[in-house]
């Protein structure tokens, strides 16, 4: 085990090191519903990350993306997220069946602030919802209905420090490892890297909706 100078084990010690004084707005900015600001942010967001908890205690995070506005704000307490074609692992869905607590992080490209939401999720199959969220004539089979319990916006420091929205700071695409390379490294199969990449490219081209 890694040896460190100190492991923080209590909230009292944590607050001794990171006191609350001077951060009043940080604690007062939380609401239990989607106000006009939150609804506007969600309407502009094409990408959200959803965190769920597995029964064995592991946390899963799943990215969801579609054209901006794909997440429906039914009312100030309810969100509807259509489910699109994926890899059929359904880790998040399985977790929600066991534990409905979820957390979401909404991102708007080029924008530093993020919107954080927590609440309870249900997996539903509903013809009216599916029709409203059809794309290219293809309806989602399932959707997540999320009852909002907590919402607040988060500052832009992480994006400023990471330079995430600065293309000149991005690594060359060929430098970053690909999913195909991951498969070759972890799965015992008689395929070349090019063959696996071709399979994935075909899947991206034919199974978006």
N, C-alpha and C. Protein backbone atom coordinates (compact mmCIF):
# COMPACT_ATOMS: atom_id res chain seq x y z
N UNK A 1 0.84 -1.19 0.00
CA UNK A 1 0.00 0.00 0.00
C UNK A 1 0.88 1.25 0.00
N UNK A 2 0.42 2.26 -0.74
CA UNK A 2 1.17 3.51 -0.81
C UNK A 2 1.28 4.16 0.56
N UNK A 3 2.50 4.53 0.95
CA UNK A 3 2.73 5.21 2.21
C UNK A 3 2.62 6.71 2.02
N UNK A 4 1.81 7.37 2.87
CA UNK A 4 1.59 8.81 2.75
C UNK A 4 1.81 9.48 4.10
N UNK A 5 1.94 10.80 4.08
CA UNK A 5 2.14 11.53 5.33
C UNK A 5 0.89 11.47 6.21
N UNK A 6 -0.27 11.56 5.61
CA UNK A 6 -1.51 11.57 6.39
C UNK A 6 -2.66 11.10 5.52
N UNK A 7 -3.53 10.29 6.08
CA UNK A 7 -4.79 9.91 5.43
C UNK A 7 -5.92 10.59 6.19
N UNK A 8 -6.76 11.32 5.48
CA UNK A 8 -7.85 12.06 6.11
C UNK A 8 -9.01 11.11 6.34
N UNK A 9 -9.37 10.91 7.61
CA UNK A 9 -10.37 9.90 7.96
C UNK A 9 -11.64 10.47 8.58
N UNK A 10 -11.65 11.74 8.93
CA UNK A 10 -12.84 12.32 9.55
C UNK A 10 -13.22 13.61 8.85
N UNK A 11 -14.51 13.94 8.93
CA UNK A 11 -14.99 15.20 8.36
C UNK A 11 -14.39 16.38 9.11
N UNK A 12 -14.23 16.24 10.42
CA UNK A 12 -13.65 17.33 11.20
C UNK A 12 -12.25 17.67 10.70
N UNK A 13 -11.44 16.67 10.44
CA UNK A 13 -10.09 16.92 9.93
C UNK A 13 -10.15 17.50 8.51
N UNK A 14 -11.06 16.99 7.72
CA UNK A 14 -11.22 17.51 6.36
C UNK A 14 -11.55 18.99 6.38
N UNK A 15 -12.48 19.37 7.28
CA UNK A 15 -12.89 20.77 7.37
C UNK A 15 -11.83 21.64 8.04
N UNK A 16 -10.96 21.03 8.81
CA UNK A 16 -9.84 21.77 9.38
C UNK A 16 -8.90 22.21 8.26
N UNK A 17 -8.72 21.33 7.29
CA UNK A 17 -7.84 21.63 6.16
C UNK A 17 -8.53 22.46 5.09
N UNK A 18 -9.84 22.22 4.89
CA UNK A 18 -10.62 22.91 3.88
C UNK A 18 -11.84 23.53 4.55
N UNK A 19 -11.67 24.66 5.21
CA UNK A 19 -12.77 25.26 5.97
C UNK A 19 -13.85 25.84 5.07
N UNK A 20 -15.03 26.04 5.63
CA UNK A 20 -16.17 26.56 4.86
C UNK A 20 -16.22 28.08 4.85
N UNK A 21 -15.48 28.73 5.74
CA UNK A 21 -15.52 30.18 5.81
C UNK A 21 -15.14 30.82 4.47
N UNK A 22 -15.94 31.80 4.06
CA UNK A 22 -15.65 32.51 2.82
C UNK A 22 -16.25 31.86 1.59
N UNK A 23 -16.97 30.76 1.77
CA UNK A 23 -17.56 30.04 0.63
C UNK A 23 -19.07 29.91 0.81
N UNK A 24 -19.69 30.96 1.30
CA UNK A 24 -21.12 30.92 1.61
C UNK A 24 -21.96 30.54 0.39
N UNK A 25 -21.69 31.17 -0.75
CA UNK A 25 -22.49 30.91 -1.95
C UNK A 25 -22.40 29.45 -2.39
N UNK A 26 -21.25 28.84 -2.12
CA UNK A 26 -21.05 27.44 -2.51
C UNK A 26 -22.11 26.54 -1.88
N UNK A 27 -22.49 26.86 -0.65
CA UNK A 27 -23.42 26.00 0.07
C UNK A 27 -24.87 26.46 -0.07
N UNK A 28 -25.08 27.72 -0.44
CA UNK A 28 -26.43 28.24 -0.58
C UNK A 28 -26.98 28.09 -1.99
N UNK A 29 -26.12 27.76 -2.95
CA UNK A 29 -26.55 27.74 -4.35
C UNK A 29 -27.28 26.46 -4.75
N UNK A 30 -27.49 25.56 -3.82
CA UNK A 30 -28.13 24.28 -4.13
C UNK A 30 -29.65 24.43 -4.08
N UNK A 31 -30.35 23.84 -5.06
CA UNK A 31 -31.80 23.85 -5.07
C UNK A 31 -32.31 22.42 -5.27
N UNK A 32 -33.57 22.20 -4.96
CA UNK A 32 -34.12 20.85 -5.08
C UNK A 32 -34.97 20.70 -6.34
N UNK A 33 -34.83 21.66 -7.27
CA UNK A 33 -35.61 21.59 -8.51
C UNK A 33 -34.86 22.29 -9.63
N UNK A 34 -35.40 22.18 -10.83
CA UNK A 34 -34.77 22.76 -12.00
C UNK A 34 -35.33 24.16 -12.24
N UNK A 35 -34.56 25.16 -11.86
CA UNK A 35 -35.01 26.53 -12.09
C UNK A 35 -34.79 26.90 -13.56
N UNK A 36 -35.09 28.13 -13.93
CA UNK A 36 -34.97 28.55 -15.32
C UNK A 36 -33.54 28.45 -15.84
N UNK A 37 -32.57 28.75 -14.99
CA UNK A 37 -31.17 28.67 -15.39
C UNK A 37 -30.79 27.23 -15.71
N UNK A 38 -31.18 26.30 -14.85
CA UNK A 38 -30.88 24.89 -15.08
C UNK A 38 -31.54 24.39 -16.35
N UNK A 39 -32.77 24.76 -16.56
CA UNK A 39 -33.48 24.30 -17.76
C UNK A 39 -32.85 24.84 -19.03
N UNK A 40 -32.39 26.08 -18.99
CA UNK A 40 -31.72 26.66 -20.15
C UNK A 40 -30.40 25.94 -20.42
N UNK A 41 -29.66 25.62 -19.35
CA UNK A 41 -28.38 24.92 -19.50
C UNK A 41 -28.60 23.53 -20.12
N UNK A 42 -29.60 22.81 -19.62
CA UNK A 42 -29.90 21.48 -20.14
C UNK A 42 -30.28 21.53 -21.61
N UNK A 43 -31.03 22.55 -22.00
CA UNK A 43 -31.44 22.70 -23.39
C UNK A 43 -30.26 22.90 -24.33
N UNK A 44 -29.16 23.44 -23.82
CA UNK A 44 -27.97 23.69 -24.63
C UNK A 44 -26.94 22.57 -24.55
N UNK A 45 -27.18 21.60 -23.70
CA UNK A 45 -26.19 20.55 -23.46
C UNK A 45 -26.41 19.34 -24.36
N UNK A 46 -25.39 18.96 -25.16
CA UNK A 46 -25.48 17.75 -25.97
C UNK A 46 -24.83 16.54 -25.31
N UNK A 47 -24.35 16.72 -24.07
CA UNK A 47 -23.55 15.67 -23.44
C UNK A 47 -23.75 15.69 -21.93
N UNK A 48 -24.03 14.50 -21.37
CA UNK A 48 -24.19 14.38 -19.93
C UNK A 48 -23.51 13.09 -19.47
N UNK A 49 -22.94 13.12 -18.29
CA UNK A 49 -22.32 11.94 -17.69
C UNK A 49 -23.18 11.52 -16.51
N UNK A 50 -23.54 10.23 -16.47
CA UNK A 50 -24.42 9.72 -15.42
C UNK A 50 -23.66 8.73 -14.54
N UNK A 51 -23.68 8.97 -13.25
CA UNK A 51 -23.03 8.07 -12.29
C UNK A 51 -24.08 7.23 -11.57
N UNK A 52 -23.80 5.93 -11.47
CA UNK A 52 -24.67 4.99 -10.76
C UNK A 52 -23.81 4.12 -9.86
N UNK A 53 -24.46 3.45 -8.92
CA UNK A 53 -23.72 2.64 -7.95
C UNK A 53 -24.12 1.18 -8.06
N UNK A 54 -23.13 0.32 -8.24
CA UNK A 54 -23.37 -1.11 -8.32
C UNK A 54 -23.60 -1.69 -6.93
N UNK A 55 -24.25 -2.86 -6.89
CA UNK A 55 -24.57 -3.48 -5.61
C UNK A 55 -23.32 -3.82 -4.80
N UNK A 56 -22.21 -4.12 -5.49
CA UNK A 56 -20.99 -4.46 -4.78
C UNK A 56 -20.20 -3.22 -4.35
N UNK A 57 -20.76 -2.03 -4.63
CA UNK A 57 -20.15 -0.82 -4.15
C UNK A 57 -19.37 -0.04 -5.19
N UNK A 58 -19.08 -0.65 -6.34
CA UNK A 58 -18.36 0.07 -7.38
C UNK A 58 -19.25 1.14 -8.00
N UNK A 59 -18.63 2.23 -8.45
CA UNK A 59 -19.35 3.32 -9.09
C UNK A 59 -19.12 3.24 -10.60
N UNK A 60 -20.19 3.34 -11.36
CA UNK A 60 -20.09 3.40 -12.82
C UNK A 60 -20.43 4.80 -13.30
N UNK A 61 -19.74 5.23 -14.36
CA UNK A 61 -20.10 6.48 -15.01
C UNK A 61 -20.33 6.19 -16.49
N UNK A 62 -21.39 6.76 -17.03
CA UNK A 62 -21.76 6.48 -18.41
C UNK A 62 -22.02 7.78 -19.16
N UNK A 63 -21.36 7.99 -20.31
CA UNK A 63 -21.63 9.20 -21.09
C UNK A 63 -22.86 9.02 -21.98
N UNK A 64 -23.64 10.08 -22.10
CA UNK A 64 -24.80 10.09 -23.00
C UNK A 64 -24.71 11.33 -23.87
N UNK A 65 -24.87 11.16 -25.16
CA UNK A 65 -24.77 12.31 -26.05
C UNK A 65 -25.74 12.23 -27.20
N UNK A 66 -26.24 13.39 -27.62
CA UNK A 66 -27.18 13.53 -28.72
C UNK A 66 -27.20 15.02 -29.07
N UNK A 67 -27.93 15.41 -30.10
CA UNK A 67 -28.03 16.85 -30.36
C UNK A 67 -28.53 17.61 -29.15
N UNK A 68 -28.03 18.82 -28.97
CA UNK A 68 -28.43 19.65 -27.82
C UNK A 68 -29.94 19.70 -27.68
N UNK A 69 -30.41 19.56 -26.46
CA UNK A 69 -31.84 19.54 -26.19
C UNK A 69 -32.44 18.16 -26.16
N UNK A 70 -31.59 17.12 -26.28
CA UNK A 70 -32.12 15.75 -26.33
C UNK A 70 -32.70 15.29 -25.00
N UNK A 71 -32.32 15.95 -23.91
CA UNK A 71 -32.87 15.60 -22.61
C UNK A 71 -34.10 16.46 -22.36
N UNK A 72 -35.21 15.80 -22.12
CA UNK A 72 -36.49 16.48 -21.95
C UNK A 72 -36.69 16.91 -20.50
N UNK A 73 -36.96 18.19 -20.31
CA UNK A 73 -37.35 18.69 -19.00
C UNK A 73 -38.87 18.63 -18.94
N UNK A 74 -39.39 17.60 -18.31
CA UNK A 74 -40.85 17.42 -18.25
C UNK A 74 -41.49 18.49 -17.36
N UNK A 75 -40.86 18.73 -16.22
CA UNK A 75 -41.26 19.80 -15.31
C UNK A 75 -40.05 20.12 -14.45
N UNK A 76 -40.24 20.97 -13.44
CA UNK A 76 -39.07 21.41 -12.68
C UNK A 76 -38.51 20.36 -11.72
N UNK A 77 -39.10 19.17 -11.72
CA UNK A 77 -38.60 18.08 -10.89
C UNK A 77 -38.27 16.82 -11.68
N UNK A 78 -38.52 16.85 -13.00
CA UNK A 78 -38.44 15.61 -13.77
C UNK A 78 -37.68 15.77 -15.08
N UNK A 79 -36.71 14.87 -15.30
CA UNK A 79 -35.96 14.80 -16.55
C UNK A 79 -36.24 13.47 -17.24
N UNK A 80 -36.23 13.47 -18.58
CA UNK A 80 -36.37 12.24 -19.35
C UNK A 80 -35.18 12.16 -20.30
N UNK A 81 -34.44 11.05 -20.22
CA UNK A 81 -33.26 10.84 -21.05
C UNK A 81 -33.47 9.61 -21.92
N UNK A 82 -33.60 9.75 -23.24
CA UNK A 82 -33.78 8.59 -24.11
C UNK A 82 -32.52 7.74 -24.14
N UNK A 83 -32.70 6.44 -24.25
CA UNK A 83 -31.56 5.52 -24.32
C UNK A 83 -31.29 5.17 -25.78
N UNK A 84 -30.07 5.36 -26.23
CA UNK A 84 -29.70 5.03 -27.60
C UNK A 84 -28.92 3.72 -27.65
N UNK A 85 -28.68 3.24 -28.86
CA UNK A 85 -27.98 1.98 -29.04
C UNK A 85 -26.59 2.04 -28.44
N UNK A 86 -26.21 0.96 -27.77
CA UNK A 86 -24.90 0.92 -27.13
C UNK A 86 -24.29 -0.47 -27.25
N UNK A 87 -23.50 -0.84 -26.25
CA UNK A 87 -22.79 -2.11 -26.28
C UNK A 87 -23.51 -3.23 -25.54
N UNK A 88 -24.71 -2.94 -25.03
CA UNK A 88 -25.54 -3.92 -24.32
C UNK A 88 -24.96 -4.37 -23.00
N UNK A 89 -23.95 -3.68 -22.47
CA UNK A 89 -23.49 -4.00 -21.11
C UNK A 89 -24.53 -3.56 -20.09
N UNK A 90 -25.20 -2.44 -20.37
CA UNK A 90 -26.24 -1.86 -19.50
C UNK A 90 -25.84 -1.83 -18.02
N UNK A 91 -24.59 -1.50 -17.77
CA UNK A 91 -24.12 -1.42 -16.38
C UNK A 91 -24.97 -0.45 -15.58
N UNK A 92 -25.18 0.75 -16.13
CA UNK A 92 -25.95 1.75 -15.40
C UNK A 92 -27.37 1.33 -15.14
N UNK A 93 -28.02 0.73 -16.12
CA UNK A 93 -29.40 0.26 -15.94
C UNK A 93 -29.48 -0.80 -14.86
N UNK A 94 -28.56 -1.74 -14.88
CA UNK A 94 -28.56 -2.79 -13.86
C UNK A 94 -28.36 -2.18 -12.47
N UNK A 95 -27.48 -1.18 -12.39
CA UNK A 95 -27.25 -0.52 -11.10
C UNK A 95 -28.51 0.18 -10.60
N UNK A 96 -29.21 0.86 -11.52
CA UNK A 96 -30.41 1.60 -11.13
C UNK A 96 -31.51 0.67 -10.62
N UNK A 97 -31.61 -0.52 -11.20
CA UNK A 97 -32.60 -1.48 -10.71
C UNK A 97 -32.33 -1.83 -9.24
N UNK A 98 -31.04 -1.89 -8.89
CA UNK A 98 -30.68 -2.22 -7.50
C UNK A 98 -30.67 -0.98 -6.60
N UNK A 99 -30.28 0.16 -7.15
CA UNK A 99 -30.15 1.39 -6.37
C UNK A 99 -30.50 2.56 -7.29
N UNK A 100 -31.62 3.24 -7.08
CA UNK A 100 -32.07 4.27 -8.01
C UNK A 100 -31.32 5.60 -7.91
N UNK A 101 -30.42 5.75 -6.96
CA UNK A 101 -29.71 7.02 -6.81
C UNK A 101 -28.74 7.25 -7.96
N UNK A 102 -28.83 8.43 -8.57
CA UNK A 102 -27.95 8.77 -9.68
C UNK A 102 -27.43 10.20 -9.51
N UNK A 103 -26.33 10.48 -10.19
CA UNK A 103 -25.80 11.85 -10.27
C UNK A 103 -25.46 12.14 -11.72
N UNK A 104 -25.70 13.37 -12.15
CA UNK A 104 -25.48 13.75 -13.54
C UNK A 104 -24.61 15.00 -13.61
N UNK A 105 -23.77 15.06 -14.64
CA UNK A 105 -22.95 16.22 -14.91
C UNK A 105 -23.20 16.65 -16.35
N UNK A 106 -23.81 17.83 -16.52
CA UNK A 106 -24.13 18.36 -17.84
C UNK A 106 -23.01 19.27 -18.32
N UNK A 107 -22.64 19.11 -19.60
CA UNK A 107 -21.56 19.89 -20.19
C UNK A 107 -22.06 20.58 -21.45
N UNK A 108 -21.69 21.85 -21.61
CA UNK A 108 -21.97 22.61 -22.83
C UNK A 108 -20.63 22.89 -23.50
N UNK A 109 -20.41 22.46 -24.73
CA UNK A 109 -19.12 22.67 -25.39
C UNK A 109 -18.69 24.13 -25.39
N UNK A 110 -17.42 24.35 -25.05
CA UNK A 110 -16.88 25.68 -25.05
C UNK A 110 -17.21 26.50 -23.82
N UNK A 111 -18.04 25.95 -22.94
CA UNK A 111 -18.51 26.67 -21.74
C UNK A 111 -17.83 26.08 -20.52
N UNK A 112 -17.38 26.93 -19.62
CA UNK A 112 -16.62 26.44 -18.48
C UNK A 112 -17.44 25.88 -17.34
N UNK A 113 -18.60 26.46 -17.08
CA UNK A 113 -19.42 26.00 -15.96
C UNK A 113 -20.12 24.69 -16.31
N UNK A 114 -20.43 23.91 -15.31
CA UNK A 114 -21.19 22.67 -15.50
C UNK A 114 -22.39 22.67 -14.56
N UNK A 115 -23.35 21.84 -14.90
CA UNK A 115 -24.55 21.68 -14.07
C UNK A 115 -24.55 20.29 -13.46
N UNK A 116 -24.69 20.23 -12.14
CA UNK A 116 -24.69 18.95 -11.43
C UNK A 116 -26.08 18.70 -10.86
N UNK A 117 -26.57 17.49 -11.08
CA UNK A 117 -27.90 17.11 -10.62
C UNK A 117 -27.82 15.74 -9.96
N UNK A 118 -28.56 15.56 -8.89
CA UNK A 118 -28.67 14.26 -8.23
C UNK A 118 -30.15 13.96 -7.98
N UNK A 119 -30.48 12.67 -8.00
CA UNK A 119 -31.87 12.30 -7.76
C UNK A 119 -32.07 10.80 -7.89
N UNK A 120 -33.32 10.43 -8.12
CA UNK A 120 -33.71 9.02 -8.25
C UNK A 120 -34.12 8.75 -9.70
N UNK A 121 -33.69 7.60 -10.22
CA UNK A 121 -33.96 7.26 -11.62
C UNK A 121 -34.83 6.02 -11.74
N UNK A 122 -35.66 6.00 -12.79
CA UNK A 122 -36.45 4.82 -13.15
C UNK A 122 -36.20 4.52 -14.62
N UNK A 123 -36.17 3.24 -14.96
CA UNK A 123 -36.06 2.81 -16.36
C UNK A 123 -37.47 2.54 -16.86
N UNK A 124 -37.86 3.21 -17.94
CA UNK A 124 -39.24 3.07 -18.42
C UNK A 124 -39.27 2.70 -19.90
N UNK A 125 -40.35 2.08 -20.27
CA UNK A 125 -40.65 1.84 -21.68
C UNK A 125 -42.04 2.43 -21.93
N UNK A 126 -42.09 3.48 -22.75
CA UNK A 126 -43.32 4.23 -22.92
C UNK A 126 -43.42 4.70 -24.37
N UNK A 127 -44.51 4.39 -25.03
CA UNK A 127 -44.64 4.70 -26.45
C UNK A 127 -44.65 6.20 -26.72
N UNK A 128 -45.29 6.99 -25.85
CA UNK A 128 -45.34 8.43 -26.05
C UNK A 128 -43.94 9.04 -25.93
N UNK A 129 -43.19 8.61 -24.93
CA UNK A 129 -41.82 9.11 -24.75
C UNK A 129 -40.97 8.71 -25.95
N UNK A 130 -41.09 7.46 -26.38
CA UNK A 130 -40.29 6.98 -27.51
C UNK A 130 -40.59 7.78 -28.76
N UNK A 131 -41.83 8.08 -29.02
CA UNK A 131 -42.20 8.86 -30.20
C UNK A 131 -41.62 10.27 -30.14
N UNK A 132 -41.67 10.90 -28.96
CA UNK A 132 -41.14 12.26 -28.82
C UNK A 132 -39.64 12.32 -29.04
N UNK A 133 -38.95 11.22 -28.77
CA UNK A 133 -37.49 11.23 -28.83
C UNK A 133 -36.93 10.44 -30.01
N UNK A 134 -37.75 10.20 -31.00
CA UNK A 134 -37.27 9.51 -32.21
C UNK A 134 -36.31 10.41 -32.97
N UNK A 135 -35.27 9.80 -33.53
CA UNK A 135 -34.33 10.49 -34.41
C UNK A 135 -34.15 9.65 -35.66
N UNK A 136 -34.23 10.29 -36.81
CA UNK A 136 -34.14 9.59 -38.09
C UNK A 136 -35.18 8.48 -38.20
N UNK A 137 -36.33 8.70 -37.59
CA UNK A 137 -37.40 7.73 -37.64
C UNK A 137 -37.23 6.54 -36.71
N UNK A 138 -36.17 6.57 -35.88
CA UNK A 138 -35.89 5.44 -34.99
C UNK A 138 -36.15 5.85 -33.55
N UNK A 139 -37.03 5.10 -32.90
CA UNK A 139 -37.42 5.42 -31.53
C UNK A 139 -36.55 4.67 -30.53
N UNK A 140 -36.21 5.30 -29.41
CA UNK A 140 -35.49 4.59 -28.36
C UNK A 140 -36.39 3.55 -27.71
N UNK A 141 -35.82 2.42 -27.37
CA UNK A 141 -36.61 1.37 -26.73
C UNK A 141 -36.94 1.74 -25.29
N UNK A 142 -35.97 2.33 -24.60
CA UNK A 142 -36.13 2.64 -23.17
C UNK A 142 -35.74 4.10 -22.91
N UNK A 143 -36.07 4.55 -21.74
CA UNK A 143 -35.69 5.90 -21.31
C UNK A 143 -35.49 5.92 -19.81
N UNK A 144 -34.71 6.88 -19.36
CA UNK A 144 -34.55 7.12 -17.92
C UNK A 144 -35.43 8.29 -17.52
N UNK A 145 -36.20 8.10 -16.47
CA UNK A 145 -36.95 9.19 -15.88
C UNK A 145 -36.29 9.51 -14.54
N UNK A 146 -35.85 10.74 -14.38
CA UNK A 146 -35.11 11.13 -13.18
C UNK A 146 -35.87 12.17 -12.40
N UNK A 147 -36.12 11.86 -11.14
CA UNK A 147 -36.76 12.80 -10.22
C UNK A 147 -35.65 13.58 -9.51
N UNK A 148 -35.60 14.87 -9.77
CA UNK A 148 -34.52 15.72 -9.28
C UNK A 148 -34.67 15.99 -7.78
N UNK A 149 -33.57 15.79 -7.06
CA UNK A 149 -33.55 16.08 -5.62
C UNK A 149 -32.56 17.19 -5.28
N UNK A 150 -31.57 17.37 -6.14
CA UNK A 150 -30.55 18.38 -5.87
C UNK A 150 -29.98 18.87 -7.20
N UNK A 151 -29.80 20.19 -7.31
CA UNK A 151 -29.22 20.77 -8.52
C UNK A 151 -28.40 21.99 -8.16
N UNK A 152 -27.24 22.11 -8.78
CA UNK A 152 -26.44 23.32 -8.63
C UNK A 152 -25.41 23.39 -9.74
N UNK A 153 -24.94 24.61 -10.00
CA UNK A 153 -23.92 24.79 -11.03
C UNK A 153 -22.54 24.82 -10.39
N UNK A 154 -21.57 24.31 -11.15
CA UNK A 154 -20.20 24.18 -10.68
C UNK A 154 -19.32 25.14 -11.48
N UNK A 155 -18.32 25.71 -10.82
CA UNK A 155 -17.47 26.71 -11.46
C UNK A 155 -16.58 26.10 -12.54
N UNK A 156 -15.90 26.97 -13.28
CA UNK A 156 -15.17 26.55 -14.48
C UNK A 156 -13.70 26.25 -14.26
N UNK A 157 -13.25 26.20 -13.01
CA UNK A 157 -11.81 26.04 -12.76
C UNK A 157 -11.22 24.79 -13.41
N UNK A 158 -11.96 23.67 -13.38
CA UNK A 158 -11.44 22.42 -13.96
C UNK A 158 -11.19 22.58 -15.45
N UNK A 159 -12.11 23.25 -16.16
CA UNK A 159 -11.94 23.45 -17.59
C UNK A 159 -10.83 24.45 -17.88
N UNK A 160 -10.69 25.45 -17.04
CA UNK A 160 -9.61 26.43 -17.23
C UNK A 160 -8.26 25.74 -17.04
N UNK A 161 -8.14 24.95 -15.97
CA UNK A 161 -6.86 24.29 -15.71
C UNK A 161 -6.52 23.25 -16.76
N UNK A 162 -7.54 22.53 -17.24
CA UNK A 162 -7.29 21.46 -18.20
C UNK A 162 -7.13 21.96 -19.63
N UNK A 163 -7.54 23.22 -19.89
CA UNK A 163 -7.53 23.77 -21.26
C UNK A 163 -8.34 22.90 -22.21
N UNK A 164 -9.42 22.34 -21.69
CA UNK A 164 -10.18 21.38 -22.48
C UNK A 164 -10.76 21.97 -23.75
N UNK A 165 -11.14 23.23 -23.71
CA UNK A 165 -11.78 23.84 -24.88
C UNK A 165 -10.79 24.60 -25.77
N UNK A 166 -9.50 24.35 -25.60
CA UNK A 166 -8.49 25.00 -26.42
C UNK A 166 -7.90 23.98 -27.40
N UNK A 167 -8.36 23.97 -28.66
CA UNK A 167 -7.88 22.97 -29.63
C UNK A 167 -6.36 22.93 -29.76
N UNK A 168 -5.71 24.08 -29.59
CA UNK A 168 -4.25 24.10 -29.73
C UNK A 168 -3.56 23.32 -28.61
N UNK A 169 -4.29 23.00 -27.55
CA UNK A 169 -3.74 22.21 -26.45
C UNK A 169 -4.07 20.72 -26.56
N UNK A 170 -4.87 20.36 -27.54
CA UNK A 170 -5.25 18.96 -27.69
C UNK A 170 -4.09 18.13 -28.23
N UNK A 171 -3.94 16.88 -27.78
CA UNK A 171 -2.92 16.00 -28.37
C UNK A 171 -3.35 15.59 -29.78
N UNK A 172 -2.41 15.21 -30.58
CA UNK A 172 -2.76 14.69 -31.90
C UNK A 172 -3.61 13.43 -31.72
N UNK A 173 -4.63 13.31 -32.56
CA UNK A 173 -5.58 12.21 -32.41
C UNK A 173 -4.89 10.85 -32.42
N UNK A 174 -3.86 10.70 -33.26
CA UNK A 174 -3.20 9.39 -33.38
C UNK A 174 -2.39 9.03 -32.14
N UNK A 175 -2.16 10.01 -31.26
CA UNK A 175 -1.38 9.75 -30.04
C UNK A 175 -2.22 9.04 -28.99
N UNK A 176 -3.49 9.40 -28.89
CA UNK A 176 -4.36 8.83 -27.86
C UNK A 176 -4.76 7.39 -28.22
N UNK A 177 -4.68 6.46 -27.27
CA UNK A 177 -5.09 5.08 -27.53
C UNK A 177 -6.56 4.99 -27.92
N UNK A 178 -6.91 4.01 -28.72
CA UNK A 178 -8.27 3.82 -29.19
C UNK A 178 -8.94 2.64 -28.50
N UNK A 179 -10.26 2.55 -28.65
CA UNK A 179 -10.99 1.40 -28.14
C UNK A 179 -10.49 0.11 -28.79
N UNK A 180 -10.16 0.18 -30.07
CA UNK A 180 -9.65 -1.01 -30.76
C UNK A 180 -8.36 -1.50 -30.13
N UNK A 181 -7.49 -0.57 -29.75
CA UNK A 181 -6.24 -0.95 -29.09
C UNK A 181 -6.53 -1.58 -27.73
N UNK A 182 -7.53 -1.06 -27.03
CA UNK A 182 -7.91 -1.64 -25.75
C UNK A 182 -8.38 -3.09 -25.93
N UNK A 183 -9.20 -3.31 -26.95
CA UNK A 183 -9.70 -4.67 -27.20
C UNK A 183 -8.55 -5.62 -27.49
N UNK A 184 -7.62 -5.21 -28.31
CA UNK A 184 -6.47 -6.05 -28.64
C UNK A 184 -5.66 -6.37 -27.38
N UNK A 185 -5.56 -5.41 -26.47
CA UNK A 185 -4.76 -5.59 -25.26
C UNK A 185 -5.44 -6.44 -24.20
N UNK A 186 -6.78 -6.54 -24.25
CA UNK A 186 -7.50 -7.19 -23.15
C UNK A 186 -8.32 -8.40 -23.54
N UNK A 187 -8.63 -8.54 -24.83
CA UNK A 187 -9.50 -9.63 -25.26
C UNK A 187 -8.70 -10.61 -26.13
N UNK A 188 -8.84 -11.89 -25.83
CA UNK A 188 -8.15 -12.93 -26.59
C UNK A 188 -8.97 -13.26 -27.83
N UNK A 189 -8.60 -12.71 -28.98
CA UNK A 189 -9.36 -12.95 -30.19
C UNK A 189 -8.43 -12.94 -31.39
N UNK A 190 -8.82 -13.65 -32.42
CA UNK A 190 -7.99 -13.78 -33.62
C UNK A 190 -8.32 -12.71 -34.63
N UNK A 191 -8.07 -11.46 -34.25
CA UNK A 191 -8.26 -10.33 -35.15
C UNK A 191 -7.08 -9.39 -35.05
N UNK A 192 -6.80 -8.73 -36.14
CA UNK A 192 -5.75 -7.72 -36.12
C UNK A 192 -6.33 -6.40 -35.60
N UNK A 193 -5.45 -5.48 -35.28
CA UNK A 193 -5.90 -4.16 -34.83
C UNK A 193 -6.75 -3.48 -35.90
N UNK A 194 -6.33 -3.58 -37.14
CA UNK A 194 -7.08 -2.96 -38.24
C UNK A 194 -8.47 -3.57 -38.37
N UNK A 195 -8.58 -4.88 -38.17
CA UNK A 195 -9.88 -5.53 -38.28
C UNK A 195 -10.82 -5.09 -37.15
N UNK A 196 -10.28 -5.00 -35.95
CA UNK A 196 -11.10 -4.55 -34.82
C UNK A 196 -11.55 -3.11 -35.04
N UNK A 197 -10.62 -2.27 -35.50
CA UNK A 197 -10.96 -0.87 -35.76
C UNK A 197 -12.02 -0.76 -36.84
N UNK A 198 -11.95 -1.60 -37.85
CA UNK A 198 -12.95 -1.59 -38.91
C UNK A 198 -14.32 -1.97 -38.37
N UNK A 199 -14.36 -2.96 -37.47
CA UNK A 199 -15.64 -3.35 -36.84
C UNK A 199 -16.24 -2.18 -36.07
N UNK A 200 -15.41 -1.48 -35.29
CA UNK A 200 -15.89 -0.38 -34.49
C UNK A 200 -16.35 0.79 -35.36
N UNK A 201 -15.62 1.06 -36.43
CA UNK A 201 -16.01 2.15 -37.32
C UNK A 201 -17.34 1.84 -38.00
N UNK A 202 -17.53 0.59 -38.38
CA UNK A 202 -18.79 0.19 -39.00
C UNK A 202 -19.94 0.32 -38.01
N UNK A 203 -19.68 -0.04 -36.75
CA UNK A 203 -20.71 0.06 -35.72
C UNK A 203 -21.10 1.53 -35.49
N UNK A 204 -20.11 2.41 -35.47
CA UNK A 204 -20.38 3.84 -35.27
C UNK A 204 -21.17 4.41 -36.45
N UNK A 205 -20.95 3.85 -37.62
CA UNK A 205 -21.64 4.36 -38.80
C UNK A 205 -23.05 3.85 -38.98
N UNK A 206 -23.35 2.70 -38.36
CA UNK A 206 -24.66 2.07 -38.63
C UNK A 206 -25.55 1.92 -37.40
N UNK A 207 -25.01 2.12 -36.19
CA UNK A 207 -25.79 1.87 -34.98
C UNK A 207 -25.84 3.08 -34.05
N UNK A 208 -25.90 4.27 -34.59
CA UNK A 208 -26.06 5.45 -33.73
C UNK A 208 -27.49 5.53 -33.18
N UNK A 209 -28.47 5.14 -34.03
CA UNK A 209 -29.88 5.20 -33.63
C UNK A 209 -30.60 3.93 -34.07
